[in-house]
Amino acid sequence: MTDCGCDKAKKDLEEYLRNELCNEDAADIREHLAHCSGCSDEAHLSVVLTEVVQRACKETRPRRCAPRSCCASAPSRPPTDRSPPTDRSRRSSAQRSRI
C-alpha cells in the first residue's frame, strides 16, 4: 500500500465510497484518508450528503399537499407547427437597426 495523494483520492472518492474500486486502489485511498484531514473531511461531507439525499427520496409528501393528479385534468396545449423564433426575430427594432 502506498499513499495515493490528494489528486487521486479526490478523483476516485465517489467510486471508493460506493465500493466500486479494486482492493488495491481502495486500500491506497483508505490509507490516504487516514492521514489527510482535507480529503477525509471531503469524504465525510460526501457521505453525509448522500445520506441526506437518500433520506429525502424515501420521505412521503405531507398530507396537506394536493395530489399531483389534480394537474392531470388540465387541458394540454396542442402542438404547434411553428418553429421557435430565431435570435434575429427576438431583437427589438432599435437593435435590428444597429446591425
C-alpha atoms as a PDB file:
ATOM      1  CA  MET A   1       0.000   0.000   0.000  1.00  0.00           C
ATOM      2  CA  THR A   2       1.157   3.482  -0.824  1.00  0.00           C
ATOM      3  CA  ASP A   3      -0.348   6.875  -0.168  1.00  0.00           C
ATOM      4  CA  CYS A   4      -2.024   7.742  -3.474  1.00  0.00           C
ATOM      5  CA  GLY A   5      -2.023  11.518  -2.934  1.00  0.00           C
ATOM      6  CA  CYS A   6      -4.842  14.052  -2.822  1.00  0.00           C
ATOM      7  CA  ASP A   7      -5.420  14.258  -6.579  1.00  0.00           C
ATOM      8  CA  LYS A   8      -6.078  10.541  -6.998  1.00  0.00           C
ATOM      9  CA  ALA A   9      -8.017  10.295  -3.738  1.00  0.00           C
ATOM     10  CA  LYS A  10     -10.365  13.106  -4.772  1.00  0.00           C
ATOM     11  CA  LYS A  11     -10.716  11.770  -8.314  1.00  0.00           C
ATOM     12  CA  ASP A  12     -11.702   8.284  -7.115  1.00  0.00           C
ATOM     13  CA  LEU A  13     -13.519   9.277  -3.920  1.00  0.00           C
ATOM     14  CA  GLU A  14     -17.074   8.600  -5.114  1.00  0.00           C
ATOM     15  CA  GLU A  15     -16.136   5.190  -6.507  1.00  0.00           C
ATOM     16  CA  TYR A  16     -14.342   4.409  -3.228  1.00  0.00           C
ATOM     17  CA  LEU A  17     -17.405   5.355  -1.175  1.00  0.00           C
ATOM     18  CA  ARG A  18     -19.630   3.134  -3.373  1.00  0.00           C
ATOM     19  CA  ASN A  19     -17.148   0.225  -3.077  1.00  0.00           C
ATOM     20  CA  GLU A  20     -16.521   0.241  -6.827  1.00  0.00           C
ATOM     21  CA  LEU A  21     -12.689   0.182  -6.710  1.00  0.00           C
ATOM     22  CA  CYS A  22     -10.394  -2.811  -6.745  1.00  0.00           C
ATOM     23  CA  ASN A  23      -8.986  -3.802  -3.351  1.00  0.00           C
ATOM     24  CA  GLU A  24      -5.560  -2.276  -4.014  1.00  0.00           C
ATOM     25  CA  ASP A  25      -6.893   1.150  -5.059  1.00  0.00           C
ATOM     26  CA  ALA A  26      -9.383   1.157  -2.188  1.00  0.00           C
ATOM     27  CA  ALA A  27      -6.602   0.367   0.297  1.00  0.00           C
ATOM     28  CA  ASP A  28      -4.475   3.226  -1.085  1.00  0.00           C
ATOM     29  CA  ILE A  29      -7.329   5.697  -0.735  1.00  0.00           C
ATOM     30  CA  ARG A  30      -8.215   4.374   2.734  1.00  0.00           C
ATOM     31  CA  GLU A  31      -4.599   4.926   3.826  1.00  0.00           C
ATOM     32  CA  HIS A  32      -4.596   8.437   2.353  1.00  0.00           C
ATOM     33  CA  LEU A  33      -7.862   9.347   4.098  1.00  0.00           C
ATOM     34  CA  ALA A  34      -6.402   8.179   7.405  1.00  0.00           C
ATOM     35  CA  HIS A  35      -3.564  10.713   7.114  1.00  0.00           C
ATOM     36  CA  CYS A  36      -5.078  13.638   5.173  1.00  0.00           C
ATOM     37  CA  SER A  37      -7.645  15.690   7.065  1.00  0.00           C
ATOM     38  CA  GLY A  38      -8.698  17.668   3.968  1.00  0.00           C
ATOM     39  CA  CYS A  39      -9.572  14.581   1.941  1.00  0.00           C
ATOM     40  CA  SER A  40     -11.073  12.904   4.999  1.00  0.00           C
ATOM     41  CA  ASP A  41     -13.351  15.932   5.521  1.00  0.00           C
ATOM     42  CA  GLU A  42     -14.377  15.825   1.854  1.00  0.00           C
ATOM     43  CA  ALA A  43     -15.173  12.105   2.140  1.00  0.00           C
ATOM     44  CA  HIS A  44     -17.254  12.738   5.268  1.00  0.00           C
ATOM     45  CA  LEU A  45     -19.171  15.532   3.532  1.00  0.00           C
ATOM     46  CA  SER A  46     -19.882  13.296   0.557  1.00  0.00           C
ATOM     47  CA  VAL A  47     -21.189  10.531   2.836  1.00  0.00           C
ATOM     48  CA  VAL A  48     -23.444  12.958   4.726  1.00  0.00           C
ATOM     49  CA  LEU A  49     -24.831  14.477   1.513  1.00  0.00           C
ATOM     50  CA  THR A  50     -25.540  11.045   0.073  1.00  0.00           C
ATOM     51  CA  GLU A  51     -27.377  10.026   3.254  1.00  0.00           C
ATOM     52  CA  VAL A  52     -29.467  13.219   3.243  1.00  0.00           C
ATOM     53  CA  VAL A  53     -30.483  12.722  -0.388  1.00  0.00           C
ATOM     54  CA  GLN A  54     -31.328   9.062   0.213  1.00  0.00           C
ATOM     55  CA  ARG A  55     -33.446  10.016   3.220  1.00  0.00           C
ATOM     56  CA  ALA A  56     -35.235  12.729   1.237  1.00  0.00           C
ATOM     57  CA  CYS A  57     -36.046  10.274  -1.536  1.00  0.00           C
ATOM     58  CA  LYS A  58     -37.727   7.948   0.957  1.00  0.00           C
ATOM     59  CA  GLU A  59     -39.898  10.658   2.538  1.00  0.00           C
ATOM     60  CA  THR A  60     -43.560  10.847   1.675  1.00  0.00           C
ATOM     61  CA  ARG A  61     -45.307  14.094   0.883  1.00  0.00           C
ATOM     62  CA  PRO A  62     -47.161  15.803   3.727  1.00  0.00           C
ATOM     63  CA  ARG A  63     -50.921  15.234   3.802  1.00  0.00           C
ATOM     64  CA  ARG A  64     -51.645  18.950   3.317  1.00  0.00           C
ATOM     65  CA  CYS A  65     -50.151  18.882  -0.202  1.00  0.00           C
ATOM     66  CA  ALA A  66     -52.539  18.473  -3.078  1.00  0.00           C
ATOM     67  CA  PRO A  67     -52.166  15.270  -5.028  1.00  0.00           C
ATOM     68  CA  ARG A  68     -50.316  15.566  -8.315  1.00  0.00           C
ATOM     69  CA  SER A  69     -53.246  14.079 -10.186  1.00  0.00           C
ATOM     70  CA  CYS A  70     -55.141  17.384  -9.912  1.00  0.00           C
ATOM     71  CA  CYS A  71     -52.946  18.794 -12.674  1.00  0.00           C
ATOM     72  CA  ALA A  72     -53.578  15.830 -14.927  1.00  0.00           C
ATOM     73  CA  SER A  73     -57.133  17.016 -15.682  1.00  0.00           C
ATOM     74  CA  ALA A  74     -55.951  20.364 -17.063  1.00  0.00           C
ATOM     75  CA  PRO A  75     -56.236  20.567 -20.852  1.00  0.00           C
ATOM     76  CA  SER A  76     -52.956  20.220 -22.639  1.00  0.00           C
ATOM     77  CA  ARG A  77     -51.854  22.635 -25.336  1.00  0.00           C
ATOM     78  CA  PRO A  78     -51.950  21.248 -28.848  1.00  0.00           C
ATOM     79  CA  PRO A  79     -48.598  21.021 -30.594  1.00  0.00           C
ATOM     80  CA  THR A  80     -47.809  23.870 -32.949  1.00  0.00           C
ATOM     81  CA  ASP A  81     -46.240  23.677 -36.371  1.00  0.00           C
ATOM     82  CA  ARG A  82     -44.387  26.920 -35.839  1.00  0.00           C
ATOM     83  CA  SER A  83     -40.664  26.737 -35.342  1.00  0.00           C
ATOM     84  CA  PRO A  84     -39.132  28.611 -32.399  1.00  0.00           C
ATOM     85  CA  PRO A  85     -38.216  32.241 -33.083  1.00  0.00           C
ATOM     86  CA  THR A  86     -34.693  32.925 -34.220  1.00  0.00           C
ATOM     87  CA  ASP A  87     -32.368  35.239 -32.370  1.00  0.00           C
ATOM     88  CA  ARG A  88     -32.898  37.881 -35.053  1.00  0.00           C
ATOM     89  CA  SER A  89     -36.690  37.884 -34.634  1.00  0.00           C
ATOM     90  CA  ARG A  90     -36.335  38.385 -30.872  1.00  0.00           C
ATOM     91  CA  ARG A  91     -34.426  41.622 -31.263  1.00  0.00           C
ATOM     92  CA  SER A  92     -36.202  44.919 -30.891  1.00  0.00           C
ATOM     93  CA  SER A  93     -36.435  47.264 -33.853  1.00  0.00           C
ATOM     94  CA  ALA A  94     -33.758  49.508 -32.293  1.00  0.00           C
ATOM     95  CA  GLN A  95     -31.383  46.567 -32.003  1.00  0.00           C
ATOM     96  CA  ARG A  96     -32.071  45.497 -35.607  1.00  0.00           C
ATOM     97  CA  SER A  97     -31.334  48.984 -36.927  1.00  0.00           C
ATOM     98  CA  ARG A  98     -27.861  48.896 -35.337  1.00  0.00           C
ATOM     99  CA  ILE A  99     -26.915  45.732 -37.197  1.00  0.00           C
END
